[in-house]
Amino acid sequence: MHELYAFILGELRGAWRFRWYALLVAWVVVIAGVIVVLKMPDQYRVDARVQVDTESVLRPLLDGLAVSPNLSDRVAMMANTLLNRDNLERIARESDLLITANDAVEEQRVLNGLRSNISLSSGGRNNVYTIAYESGDPEVSRKVVQSVLDILMDQTLGVTRTDSDTATDFLERQVREYEDRLRSAEERLANFKRENVGLLPDQGGRDYYQRLRAAEDNLEELEAELRTAQNRRNALRREIELMESGQQSREVINPRVAALDEQIQASRERLEDLRLRYTDQHPDVIAAEAQIERLQQEREVALNQRETTIEPDRLSSNPVYQELQIRMNEQNSEIAALETRISDQRRRIENLLSQVDDITRVETQLADLSRDYEVTRDRYQMLLGRLSTAQLSTEAGTSGGQVRFRVLDPPLAPNNPSGPPRKLYLAALLPLGLGFGGGIAYLLHQLRPVFQSRRSLSELTGRPVLGSVSLVMSPMQRRLKFGAVAVFGLAVLCLVGAVMASVLFAELGAEHLQDIVRRLPL
């Protein structure tokens, strides 16, 4: 540690020998620096703040009806890509900065200066953007900031409208295309149905095998009904034959009683249904009860009609015999109708069996055509819905209700310059000049070194030093040395005072002095 201290002290003593050179360099640096700083042109900074409001009142109203893009991200993207070449050229033209550009090189220099000097910063979640620009002309600074602000607003709204218009145009083309496809599919389906009328599925949509199965089931039901009707006819025929043969040992049941029993049962069922819906005092309920009572009375009368003896020559006037004949005729008519229906159903089944290949082929083609038609129709309806949504979104964006710009601080031309920071620069000249001077003194010490002690001489030569002679100054020499040190200190104080005076002039705005200094050749 002692050796390091001795080394540093020796180096400082060596540099001290060239203190006047150091002071001269410091004065030169300070004077040149003061001239340069005072000749710096004034810079005028213009700031503007704008808030982008993406929380529109229309957003909750249009939820589910229109497309709501992420406007905050879109504005942030536009802010990041704002300073492209096209926008810089527009800013330069609107600010009259390209007037002095004579060639492409100067024009590129102007654009590069704009890109580096324009500041665009975001305020975070409040979507407040600050635009700043600084130049030597306050009006130019204002024009540049105003141009950037206009471009930000125009392009943000323009991109939203452009995207909406592009989407709407695309959907309109797709809707027209699918409308043509839908018409073609409808025509193909209609022509196919017209050409294959007898081979198409029925109105219930049943295919060939379902229709064949239904026809066979219907045939079985008709055959069962035919057998039942034939049994009833055989029973009636036996009753008639017994009456015609005049046999008295068999009691003949009056068919009128059976008919009345059926009517009474139907009337009672109807009465129960009416009582579920109405009260007992309802006219329909009362009428149904009266009808049942009347039918019961007729049944009693019919039961009292018993034939004890039947004479063959009086059968034609017997009401029971007449009733049996009437029912016999009805059964014959019903059997004939059932036989006709069974015959028609069998022919229908035969036709279905004979057309199995044609019907299945037609049903397959119809399924394909119907599927294509359904797919085309669903896609067409979906595109219509999307087109309506896009048109509504475009109208909402055109109305300006989704994005609103609030200019919080408009760009104004400043009256006072914002820079350069001359006070800071001038204050930095003192340590800078002293540092340069000290560096020059130390460099000269390295170029013209001297031995500061016997030890340094012994270390350099490698030989022992036998002795040394000290300098003994006279009183006159001491006074001269003290005077030299005082003059040096006074020169340093004058340097410090000059720097402080320049800082004071710059702080007070000594425009006259600056004008004088600016006229000096640098």
Protein backbone atom coordinates (compact mmCIF):
# COMPACT_ATOMS: atom_id res chain seq x y z
CA MET A 1 0.00 0.00 0.00
CA HIS A 2 2.88 2.38 0.84
CA GLU A 3 4.56 1.58 -2.45
CA LEU A 4 1.35 2.34 -4.37
CA TYR A 5 0.97 5.61 -2.52
CA ALA A 6 4.57 6.54 -3.27
CA PHE A 7 4.09 5.65 -6.95
CA ILE A 8 0.96 7.79 -7.30
CA LEU A 9 2.59 10.68 -5.49
CA GLY A 10 5.59 10.45 -7.77
CA GLU A 11 3.43 10.46 -10.89
CA LEU A 12 1.53 13.50 -9.68
CA ARG A 13 4.81 15.32 -9.00
CA GLY A 14 6.00 14.46 -12.44
CA ALA A 15 2.81 15.77 -14.06
CA TRP A 16 2.95 18.88 -11.86
CA ARG A 17 6.04 20.00 -13.75
CA PHE A 18 3.84 20.56 -16.84
CA ARG A 19 1.00 22.32 -15.02
CA TRP A 20 1.16 25.38 -17.23
CA TYR A 21 0.72 23.28 -20.32
CA ALA A 22 -2.26 21.62 -18.63
CA LEU A 23 -3.75 24.97 -17.72
CA LEU A 24 -3.31 26.24 -21.26
CA VAL A 25 -5.07 23.17 -22.70
CA ALA A 26 -7.88 23.54 -20.15
CA TRP A 27 -8.41 27.16 -21.17
CA VAL A 28 -8.44 26.26 -24.85
CA VAL A 29 -10.94 23.45 -24.26
CA VAL A 30 -13.21 25.64 -22.13
CA ILE A 31 -13.14 28.58 -24.54
CA ALA A 32 -13.79 26.36 -27.56
CA GLY A 33 -16.53 24.53 -25.68
CA VAL A 34 -18.23 27.77 -24.65
CA ILE A 35 -18.18 28.99 -28.24
CA VAL A 36 -19.60 25.70 -29.54
CA VAL A 37 -22.32 25.49 -26.88
CA LEU A 38 -23.43 29.08 -27.34
CA LYS A 39 -23.55 28.65 -31.10
CA MET A 40 -25.84 25.62 -30.82
CA PRO A 41 -29.21 26.40 -32.44
CA ASP A 42 -32.28 26.48 -30.26
CA GLN A 43 -34.47 23.39 -30.28
CA TYR A 44 -38.25 23.60 -29.93
CA ARG A 45 -40.11 20.57 -28.64
CA VAL A 46 -43.82 20.08 -29.36
CA ASP A 47 -45.87 17.47 -27.48
CA ALA A 48 -49.38 16.23 -28.12
CA ARG A 49 -51.41 13.73 -26.14
CA VAL A 50 -54.35 11.79 -27.54
CA GLN A 51 -56.59 9.20 -25.91
CA VAL A 52 -57.98 6.35 -27.98
CA ASP A 53 -61.32 5.31 -26.50
CA THR A 54 -62.17 1.78 -27.62
CA GLU A 55 -64.91 1.21 -25.03
CA SER A 56 -67.83 2.17 -27.21
CA VAL A 57 -71.44 2.40 -26.08
CA LEU A 58 -72.36 0.36 -29.16
CA ARG A 59 -70.25 -2.62 -28.06
CA PRO A 60 -72.79 -4.15 -25.61
CA LEU A 61 -75.64 -3.31 -27.97
CA LEU A 62 -73.95 -5.05 -30.90
CA ASP A 63 -72.86 -8.09 -28.90
CA GLY A 64 -73.82 -11.14 -30.93
CA LEU A 65 -75.03 -9.01 -33.85
CA ALA A 66 -71.79 -7.59 -35.20
CA VAL A 67 -68.12 -8.47 -35.14
CA SER A 68 -66.20 -6.55 -32.47
CA PRO A 69 -62.46 -6.62 -33.26
CA ASN A 70 -59.82 -6.05 -30.59
CA LEU A 71 -59.47 -2.34 -31.22
CA SER A 72 -56.85 -1.81 -28.51
CA ASP A 73 -54.49 -4.29 -30.15
CA ARG A 74 -55.22 -2.79 -33.54
CA VAL A 75 -54.40 0.72 -32.34
CA ALA A 76 -51.20 -0.56 -30.71
CA MET A 77 -50.20 -2.26 -33.96
CA MET A 78 -50.83 0.92 -35.93
CA ALA A 79 -48.72 2.89 -33.44
CA ASN A 80 -45.84 0.44 -33.82
CA THR A 81 -45.92 0.58 -37.63
CA LEU A 82 -46.71 4.28 -37.89
CA LEU A 83 -43.24 5.49 -38.90
CA ASN A 84 -42.90 3.59 -42.16
CA ARG A 85 -41.47 5.21 -45.27
CA ASP A 86 -44.81 6.21 -46.81
CA ASN A 87 -45.93 7.92 -43.63
CA LEU A 88 -42.55 9.62 -43.19
CA GLU A 89 -42.75 10.99 -46.73
CA ARG A 90 -46.24 12.29 -46.04
CA ILE A 91 -45.07 13.94 -42.81
CA ALA A 92 -42.11 15.50 -44.57
CA ARG A 93 -44.30 16.86 -47.38
CA GLU A 94 -46.89 18.30 -45.02
CA SER A 95 -44.14 19.89 -42.89
CA ASP A 96 -42.24 21.35 -45.89
CA LEU A 97 -39.08 19.48 -44.93
CA LEU A 98 -38.40 18.16 -48.42
CA ILE A 99 -38.09 21.60 -49.97
CA THR A 100 -34.37 21.76 -49.24
CA ALA A 101 -33.73 18.17 -50.42
CA ASN A 102 -32.10 18.32 -53.85
CA ASP A 103 -31.47 14.61 -54.38
CA ALA A 104 -32.39 11.19 -53.01
CA VAL A 105 -29.52 11.22 -50.53
CA GLU A 106 -30.70 14.41 -48.85
CA GLU A 107 -34.27 13.19 -48.90
CA GLN A 108 -33.24 9.99 -47.15
CA ARG A 109 -31.32 12.05 -44.60
CA VAL A 110 -34.44 14.08 -43.86
CA LEU A 111 -36.52 10.93 -43.47
CA ASN A 112 -33.92 9.34 -41.18
CA GLY A 113 -33.93 12.47 -39.06
CA LEU A 114 -37.68 12.34 -38.76
CA ARG A 115 -37.63 8.68 -37.77
CA SER A 116 -35.05 9.27 -35.06
CA ASN A 117 -36.55 12.48 -33.65
CA ILE A 118 -40.26 11.56 -33.60
CA SER A 119 -41.23 10.03 -30.28
CA LEU A 120 -44.41 8.01 -29.86
CA SER A 121 -45.11 6.50 -26.46
CA SER A 122 -48.13 4.76 -24.96
CA GLY A 123 -49.64 5.54 -21.60
CA GLY A 124 -50.61 1.93 -20.82
CA ARG A 125 -54.14 0.67 -20.25
CA ASN A 126 -55.67 4.16 -20.57
CA ASN A 127 -54.69 4.17 -24.27
CA VAL A 128 -53.13 7.63 -24.00
CA TYR A 129 -50.47 8.21 -26.66
CA THR A 130 -47.88 10.97 -26.47
CA ILE A 131 -46.39 12.30 -29.71
CA ALA A 132 -43.28 14.50 -29.48
CA TYR A 133 -40.88 16.08 -31.96
CA GLU A 134 -38.03 18.54 -31.55
CA SER A 135 -36.43 20.77 -34.19
CA GLY A 136 -34.98 24.22 -34.66
CA ASP A 137 -38.25 25.67 -36.00
CA PRO A 138 -41.27 25.71 -33.69
CA GLU A 139 -43.73 25.79 -36.58
CA VAL A 140 -42.08 22.79 -38.23
CA SER A 141 -42.25 20.89 -34.94
CA ARG A 142 -45.94 21.67 -34.66
CA LYS A 143 -46.62 20.57 -38.24
CA VAL A 144 -44.75 17.30 -37.75
CA VAL A 145 -46.65 16.43 -34.57
CA GLN A 146 -49.96 17.39 -36.19
CA SER A 147 -49.20 15.20 -39.21
CA VAL A 148 -48.33 12.22 -37.02
CA LEU A 149 -51.54 12.73 -35.07
CA ASP A 150 -53.62 12.90 -38.26
CA ILE A 151 -51.98 9.77 -39.67
CA LEU A 152 -52.60 7.84 -36.45
CA MET A 153 -56.29 8.76 -36.47
CA ASP A 154 -56.83 8.27 -40.21
CA GLN A 155 -55.05 4.95 -40.52
CA THR A 156 -56.62 3.46 -37.41
CA LEU A 157 -60.12 4.22 -38.68
CA GLY A 158 -59.11 3.49 -42.27
CA VAL A 159 -57.76 0.02 -41.51
CA THR A 160 -60.97 -0.83 -39.63
CA ARG A 161 -63.11 0.32 -42.56
CA THR A 162 -60.85 -1.39 -45.08
CA ASP A 163 -61.01 -4.71 -43.24
CA SER A 164 -64.79 -4.46 -42.94
CA ASP A 165 -65.19 -3.55 -46.62
CA THR A 166 -62.90 -6.38 -47.71
CA ALA A 167 -64.80 -8.90 -45.61
CA THR A 168 -68.14 -7.57 -46.89
CA ASP A 169 -67.05 -7.75 -50.54
CA PHE A 170 -65.79 -11.29 -50.08
CA LEU A 171 -69.02 -12.39 -48.41
CA GLU A 172 -71.11 -10.74 -51.12
CA ARG A 173 -69.23 -12.67 -53.80
CA GLN A 174 -69.66 -15.90 -51.89
CA VAL A 175 -73.38 -15.25 -51.38
CA ARG A 176 -73.89 -14.65 -55.10
CA GLU A 177 -71.94 -17.78 -55.95
CA TYR A 178 -73.87 -19.96 -53.52
CA GLU A 179 -77.14 -18.41 -54.64
CA ASP A 180 -76.39 -19.61 -58.17
CA ARG A 181 -75.44 -23.01 -56.81
CA LEU A 182 -78.66 -23.19 -54.81
CA ARG A 183 -80.77 -22.34 -57.86
CA SER A 184 -78.98 -25.00 -59.90
CA ALA A 185 -79.50 -27.57 -57.14
CA GLU A 186 -83.19 -26.68 -56.89
CA GLU A 187 -83.64 -27.02 -60.65
CA ARG A 188 -81.87 -30.39 -60.73
CA LEU A 189 -83.97 -31.66 -57.83
CA ALA A 190 -87.23 -30.41 -59.38
CA ASN A 191 -86.42 -31.92 -62.79
CA PHE A 192 -85.49 -35.22 -61.22
CA LYS A 193 -88.75 -35.38 -59.25
CA ARG A 194 -90.73 -34.47 -62.35
CA GLU A 195 -89.03 -37.22 -64.37
CA ASN A 196 -89.50 -39.91 -61.69
CA VAL A 197 -92.93 -39.17 -60.26
CA GLY A 198 -94.05 -42.76 -59.73
CA LEU A 199 -90.75 -43.96 -58.32
CA LEU A 200 -90.23 -41.37 -55.59
CA PRO A 201 -90.81 -41.99 -51.87
CA ASP A 202 -94.23 -41.10 -50.52
CA GLN A 203 -95.07 -37.93 -48.61
CA GLY A 204 -93.98 -39.51 -45.34
CA GLY A 205 -90.48 -39.88 -46.68
CA ARG A 206 -90.54 -43.68 -46.52
CA ASP A 207 -88.09 -45.50 -48.78
CA TYR A 208 -88.79 -48.55 -50.94
CA TYR A 209 -88.44 -51.18 -48.24
CA GLN A 210 -90.54 -49.21 -45.78
CA ARG A 211 -93.30 -48.80 -48.38
CA LEU A 212 -93.12 -52.52 -49.28
CA ARG A 213 -93.33 -53.49 -45.64
CA ALA A 214 -96.26 -51.12 -45.08
CA ALA A 215 -98.07 -52.53 -48.13
CA GLU A 216 -97.62 -56.11 -46.89
CA ASP A 217 -98.83 -55.14 -43.42
CA ASN A 218 -101.85 -53.42 -44.96
CA LEU A 219 -102.58 -56.53 -47.02
CA GLU A 220 -102.49 -58.71 -43.90
CA GLU A 221 -104.87 -56.35 -42.11
CA LEU A 222 -107.28 -56.38 -45.05
CA GLU A 223 -107.20 -60.17 -45.21
CA ALA A 224 -107.89 -60.34 -41.47
CA GLU A 225 -110.82 -57.96 -41.88
CA LEU A 226 -112.11 -60.11 -44.79
CA ARG A 227 -112.03 -63.25 -42.70
CA THR A 228 -113.87 -61.48 -39.87
CA ALA A 229 -116.54 -60.19 -42.28
CA GLN A 230 -116.95 -63.65 -43.82
CA ASN A 231 -117.46 -65.18 -40.38
CA ARG A 232 -120.12 -62.59 -39.55
CA ARG A 233 -121.83 -63.27 -42.88
CA ASN A 234 -121.84 -67.04 -42.23
CA ALA A 235 -123.40 -66.49 -38.80
CA LEU A 236 -126.13 -64.31 -40.29
CA ARG A 237 -126.74 -66.86 -43.02
CA ARG A 238 -127.28 -69.61 -40.46
CA GLU A 239 -129.75 -67.46 -38.55
CA ILE A 240 -131.70 -66.74 -41.70
CA GLU A 241 -131.75 -70.38 -42.69
CA LEU A 242 -133.09 -71.36 -39.27
CA MET A 243 -135.88 -68.81 -39.54
CA GLU A 244 -136.73 -69.92 -43.07
CA SER A 245 -136.90 -73.60 -42.01
CA GLY A 246 -139.46 -72.69 -39.29
CA GLN A 247 -137.64 -74.39 -36.45
CA GLN A 248 -139.16 -73.38 -33.05
CA SER A 249 -136.69 -75.07 -30.73
CA ARG A 250 -134.01 -72.34 -31.14
CA GLU A 251 -134.45 -68.91 -29.59
CA VAL A 252 -133.61 -66.24 -32.11
CA ILE A 253 -131.77 -63.20 -30.81
CA ASN A 254 -133.17 -59.95 -32.02
CA PRO A 255 -130.34 -58.17 -33.92
CA ARG A 256 -131.97 -54.85 -33.04
CA VAL A 257 -130.99 -55.41 -29.41
CA ALA A 258 -127.34 -55.93 -30.33
CA ALA A 259 -127.33 -52.73 -32.39
CA LEU A 260 -128.91 -50.79 -29.55
CA ASP A 261 -126.33 -52.19 -27.11
CA GLU A 262 -123.53 -50.89 -29.33
CA GLN A 263 -125.15 -47.45 -29.54
CA ILE A 264 -125.68 -47.33 -25.77
CA GLN A 265 -122.01 -48.24 -25.15
CA ALA A 266 -120.80 -45.54 -27.55
CA SER A 267 -123.10 -42.97 -25.95
CA ARG A 268 -121.84 -43.84 -22.47
CA GLU A 269 -118.21 -43.43 -23.58
CA ARG A 270 -119.06 -40.06 -25.08
CA LEU A 271 -120.82 -39.06 -21.83
CA GLU A 272 -117.74 -39.95 -19.78
CA ASP A 273 -115.59 -37.84 -22.04
CA LEU A 274 -117.98 -34.90 -21.71
CA ARG A 275 -118.03 -35.17 -17.92
CA LEU A 276 -114.24 -34.90 -17.88
CA ARG A 277 -114.47 -31.53 -19.60
CA TYR A 278 -117.82 -30.09 -18.43
CA THR A 279 -120.11 -30.12 -15.43
CA ASP A 280 -123.32 -32.12 -15.17
CA GLN A 281 -125.40 -29.01 -16.00
CA HIS A 282 -123.72 -28.54 -19.37
CA PRO A 283 -126.20 -28.88 -22.31
CA ASP A 284 -124.06 -31.50 -24.06
CA VAL A 285 -123.95 -33.64 -20.92
CA ILE A 286 -127.71 -33.36 -20.45
CA ALA A 287 -128.36 -34.23 -24.13
CA ALA A 288 -126.07 -37.29 -23.88
CA GLU A 289 -127.89 -38.54 -20.78
CA ALA A 290 -131.25 -38.09 -22.53
CA GLN A 291 -130.01 -40.01 -25.57
CA ILE A 292 -128.83 -42.92 -23.40
CA GLU A 293 -132.17 -43.01 -21.63
CA ARG A 294 -134.02 -43.06 -24.96
CA LEU A 295 -131.82 -45.90 -26.30
CA GLN A 296 -132.41 -47.92 -23.17
CA GLN A 297 -136.16 -47.55 -23.62
CA GLU A 298 -135.92 -48.75 -27.23
CA ARG A 299 -133.84 -51.72 -26.04
CA GLU A 300 -136.55 -52.67 -23.54
CA VAL A 301 -139.16 -52.59 -26.30
CA ALA A 302 -136.94 -54.74 -28.53
CA LEU A 303 -136.40 -57.29 -25.76
CA ASN A 304 -140.16 -57.66 -25.31
CA GLN A 305 -140.55 -58.68 -28.99
CA ARG A 306 -140.27 -62.45 -28.83
CA GLU A 307 -141.37 -64.67 -31.64
CA THR A 308 -143.17 -67.71 -30.33
CA THR A 309 -144.14 -69.00 -33.74
CA ILE A 310 -142.72 -68.14 -37.09
CA GLU A 311 -144.68 -68.85 -40.16
CA PRO A 312 -142.74 -69.06 -43.41
CA ASP A 313 -145.31 -67.10 -45.38
CA ARG A 314 -144.99 -64.19 -42.92
CA LEU A 315 -141.14 -63.93 -42.84
CA SER A 316 -141.13 -60.98 -45.20
CA SER A 317 -143.12 -58.93 -42.72
CA ASN A 318 -141.08 -60.05 -39.70
CA PRO A 319 -138.86 -57.15 -38.51
CA VAL A 320 -136.25 -59.52 -37.16
CA TYR A 321 -136.01 -61.30 -40.45
CA GLN A 322 -135.82 -58.00 -42.27
CA GLU A 323 -133.07 -56.79 -39.96
CA LEU A 324 -131.10 -59.96 -40.61
CA GLN A 325 -131.49 -59.54 -44.34
CA ILE A 326 -130.29 -55.94 -44.15
CA ARG A 327 -127.23 -56.88 -42.15
CA MET A 328 -126.57 -59.76 -44.52
CA ASN A 329 -126.56 -57.38 -47.46
CA GLU A 330 -124.24 -55.03 -45.60
CA GLN A 331 -121.79 -57.85 -44.89
CA ASN A 332 -121.85 -58.87 -48.56
CA SER A 333 -121.08 -55.30 -49.61
CA GLU A 334 -118.28 -55.03 -47.04
CA ILE A 335 -116.78 -58.35 -48.21
CA ALA A 336 -116.88 -57.22 -51.83
CA ALA A 337 -115.18 -53.94 -50.94
CA LEU A 338 -112.49 -55.75 -48.93
CA GLU A 339 -111.83 -58.17 -51.79
CA THR A 340 -111.42 -55.23 -54.16
CA ARG A 341 -109.02 -53.50 -51.78
CA ILE A 342 -107.06 -56.72 -51.29
CA SER A 343 -106.77 -57.13 -55.02
CA ASP A 344 -105.54 -53.56 -55.43
CA GLN A 345 -103.05 -54.00 -52.59
CA ARG A 346 -101.66 -57.17 -54.15
CA ARG A 347 -101.19 -55.38 -57.48
CA ARG A 348 -99.42 -52.56 -55.64
CA ILE A 349 -97.07 -55.03 -53.98
CA GLU A 350 -96.41 -56.72 -57.32
CA ASN A 351 -95.60 -53.35 -58.87
CA LEU A 352 -93.21 -52.54 -56.02
CA LEU A 353 -91.49 -55.91 -56.43
CA SER A 354 -91.19 -55.48 -60.19
CA GLN A 355 -89.73 -51.93 -59.84
CA VAL A 356 -87.25 -52.71 -57.08
CA ASP A 357 -84.17 -51.82 -59.18
CA ASP A 358 -85.62 -48.61 -60.58
CA ILE A 359 -87.00 -47.43 -57.25
CA THR A 360 -83.77 -48.07 -55.34
CA ARG A 361 -81.77 -46.31 -58.08
CA VAL A 362 -84.12 -43.32 -57.99
CA GLU A 363 -84.05 -43.16 -54.20
CA THR A 364 -80.23 -43.22 -54.21
CA GLN A 365 -80.05 -40.42 -56.77
CA LEU A 366 -82.72 -38.47 -54.90
CA ALA A 367 -80.74 -38.82 -51.65
CA ASP A 368 -77.61 -37.51 -53.39
CA LEU A 369 -79.46 -34.56 -54.92
CA SER A 370 -81.24 -33.78 -51.66
CA ARG A 371 -77.98 -33.93 -49.71
CA ASP A 372 -76.26 -31.55 -52.15
CA TYR A 373 -79.24 -29.24 -51.98
CA GLU A 374 -79.30 -29.25 -48.16
CA VAL A 375 -75.56 -28.60 -47.90
CA THR A 376 -75.75 -25.76 -50.42
CA ARG A 377 -78.80 -24.26 -48.71
CA ASP A 378 -77.21 -24.43 -45.24
CA ARG A 379 -74.02 -22.84 -46.52
CA TYR A 380 -76.02 -20.15 -48.32
CA GLN A 381 -78.03 -19.33 -45.18
CA MET A 382 -74.85 -19.24 -43.10
CA LEU A 383 -73.21 -16.85 -45.59
CA LEU A 384 -76.31 -14.65 -45.56
CA GLY A 385 -76.06 -14.42 -41.77
CA ARG A 386 -72.35 -13.63 -41.92
CA LEU A 387 -72.96 -10.99 -44.60
CA SER A 388 -75.62 -9.34 -42.46
CA THR A 389 -73.18 -9.32 -39.52
CA ALA A 390 -70.41 -7.84 -41.66
CA GLN A 391 -72.68 -5.13 -43.04
CA LEU A 392 -73.81 -4.23 -39.54
CA SER A 393 -70.18 -4.14 -38.38
CA THR A 394 -69.27 -1.88 -41.32
CA GLU A 395 -72.10 0.50 -40.52
CA ALA A 396 -71.11 0.54 -36.87
CA GLY A 397 -67.50 1.30 -37.80
CA THR A 398 -68.51 3.98 -40.31
CA SER A 399 -70.63 5.71 -37.72
CA GLY A 400 -67.50 6.26 -35.63
CA GLY A 401 -69.07 4.84 -32.53
CA GLN A 402 -66.50 2.11 -31.91
CA VAL A 403 -63.27 4.18 -31.81
CA ARG A 404 -63.11 7.74 -30.59
CA PHE A 405 -60.05 9.96 -30.40
CA ARG A 406 -59.81 12.63 -27.71
CA VAL A 407 -56.99 15.12 -28.18
CA LEU A 408 -56.01 15.89 -24.59
CA ASP A 409 -53.13 18.26 -25.45
CA PRO A 410 -53.18 19.62 -29.00
CA PRO A 411 -49.85 20.43 -30.71
CA LEU A 412 -48.99 24.12 -30.21
CA ALA A 413 -45.95 26.03 -31.44
CA PRO A 414 -43.83 26.87 -28.34
CA ASN A 415 -42.56 30.40 -27.66
CA ASN A 416 -39.48 29.36 -25.67
CA PRO A 417 -36.88 26.81 -26.75
CA SER A 418 -36.68 23.52 -24.93
CA GLY A 419 -33.03 22.90 -25.67
CA PRO A 420 -30.22 22.29 -25.99
CA PRO A 421 -29.34 22.09 -22.27
CA ARG A 422 -26.59 24.73 -22.47
CA LYS A 423 -26.33 25.05 -18.71
CA LEU A 424 -25.50 21.38 -18.36
CA TYR A 425 -23.08 21.45 -21.26
CA LEU A 426 -21.26 24.55 -19.95
CA ALA A 427 -21.03 23.11 -16.45
CA ALA A 428 -19.49 19.97 -17.92
CA LEU A 429 -16.77 22.04 -19.66
CA LEU A 430 -14.81 22.63 -16.42
CA PRO A 431 -14.13 18.96 -15.54
CA LEU A 432 -13.69 18.25 -19.24
CA GLY A 433 -11.04 20.99 -19.67
CA LEU A 434 -9.23 20.07 -16.47
CA GLY A 435 -9.32 16.44 -17.47
CA PHE A 436 -7.82 17.18 -20.90
CA GLY A 437 -5.17 19.40 -19.33
CA GLY A 438 -4.27 16.79 -16.74
CA GLY A 439 -4.05 14.17 -19.44
CA ILE A 440 -1.68 16.34 -21.50
CA ALA A 441 0.50 16.97 -18.42
CA TYR A 442 0.70 13.28 -17.60
CA LEU A 443 1.50 12.49 -21.26
CA LEU A 444 4.35 15.00 -21.25
CA HIS A 445 5.61 13.51 -18.00
CA GLN A 446 5.72 10.11 -19.68
CA LEU A 447 7.57 11.59 -22.66
CA ARG A 448 10.05 13.58 -20.53
CA PRO A 449 10.37 11.66 -17.27
CA VAL A 450 12.63 12.56 -14.30
CA PHE A 451 13.66 10.65 -11.21
CA GLN A 452 11.62 11.63 -8.24
CA SER A 453 13.65 9.69 -5.62
CA ARG A 454 16.85 7.69 -5.06
CA ARG A 455 14.79 4.53 -4.96
CA SER A 456 13.34 5.01 -8.45
CA LEU A 457 16.86 5.69 -9.78
CA SER A 458 18.24 2.57 -8.10
CA GLU A 459 15.37 0.42 -9.43
CA LEU A 460 15.88 1.71 -12.96
CA THR A 461 19.70 1.42 -13.14
CA GLY A 462 20.09 -1.63 -10.93
CA ARG A 463 22.96 -0.01 -9.05
CA PRO A 464 23.07 1.35 -5.53
CA VAL A 465 22.79 5.10 -5.07
CA LEU A 466 25.50 6.34 -2.73
CA GLY A 467 23.96 9.72 -1.98
CA SER A 468 21.84 12.66 -3.09
CA VAL A 469 22.07 16.46 -3.02
CA SER A 470 19.06 18.40 -1.77
CA LEU A 471 17.95 21.74 -3.18
CA VAL A 472 18.15 24.61 -0.72
CA MET A 473 16.29 27.66 -1.98
CA SER A 474 17.03 31.19 -1.01
CA PRO A 475 14.28 33.47 0.32
CA MET A 476 14.03 35.11 -3.10
CA GLN A 477 13.57 31.74 -4.77
CA ARG A 478 10.93 30.78 -2.21
CA ARG A 479 9.00 34.00 -2.94
CA LEU A 480 9.24 33.42 -6.66
CA LYS A 481 7.98 29.86 -6.29
CA PHE A 482 5.11 30.96 -4.09
CA GLY A 483 4.24 33.69 -6.58
CA ALA A 484 4.20 31.17 -9.39
CA VAL A 485 1.88 28.88 -7.46
CA ALA A 486 -0.38 31.82 -6.63
CA VAL A 487 -0.51 32.89 -10.28
CA PHE A 488 -1.35 29.32 -11.26
CA GLY A 489 -4.11 29.15 -8.68
CA LEU A 490 -5.43 32.51 -9.82
CA ALA A 491 -5.52 31.26 -13.41
CA VAL A 492 -7.43 28.20 -12.31
CA LEU A 493 -9.89 30.37 -10.39
CA CYS A 494 -10.31 32.56 -13.45
CA LEU A 495 -11.07 29.41 -15.46
CA VAL A 496 -13.68 28.37 -12.93
CA GLY A 497 -15.13 31.88 -12.89
CA ALA A 498 -15.32 31.98 -16.68
CA VAL A 499 -17.23 28.69 -16.73
CA MET A 500 -19.63 29.89 -14.02
CA ALA A 501 -20.17 33.17 -15.84
CA SER A 502 -21.00 31.33 -19.07
CA VAL A 503 -23.44 29.13 -17.13
CA LEU A 504 -25.04 32.24 -15.63
CA PHE A 505 -25.38 33.91 -19.03
CA ALA A 506 -26.91 30.77 -20.51
CA GLU A 507 -29.36 30.45 -17.59
CA LEU A 508 -30.43 34.07 -17.83
CA GLY A 509 -30.87 33.80 -21.57
CA ALA A 510 -28.24 36.26 -22.73
CA GLU A 511 -29.44 36.25 -26.32
CA HIS A 512 -27.28 39.19 -27.31
CA LEU A 513 -24.11 37.46 -26.16
CA GLN A 514 -25.15 34.27 -27.93
CA ASP A 515 -25.73 36.18 -31.13
CA ILE A 516 -22.27 37.68 -30.87
CA VAL A 517 -20.72 34.30 -30.22
CA ARG A 518 -22.62 32.71 -33.09
CA ARG A 519 -21.11 35.27 -35.46
CA LEU A 520 -17.63 34.26 -34.41
CA PRO A 521 -15.89 31.82 -36.76
CA LEU A 522 -15.53 28.41 -35.20
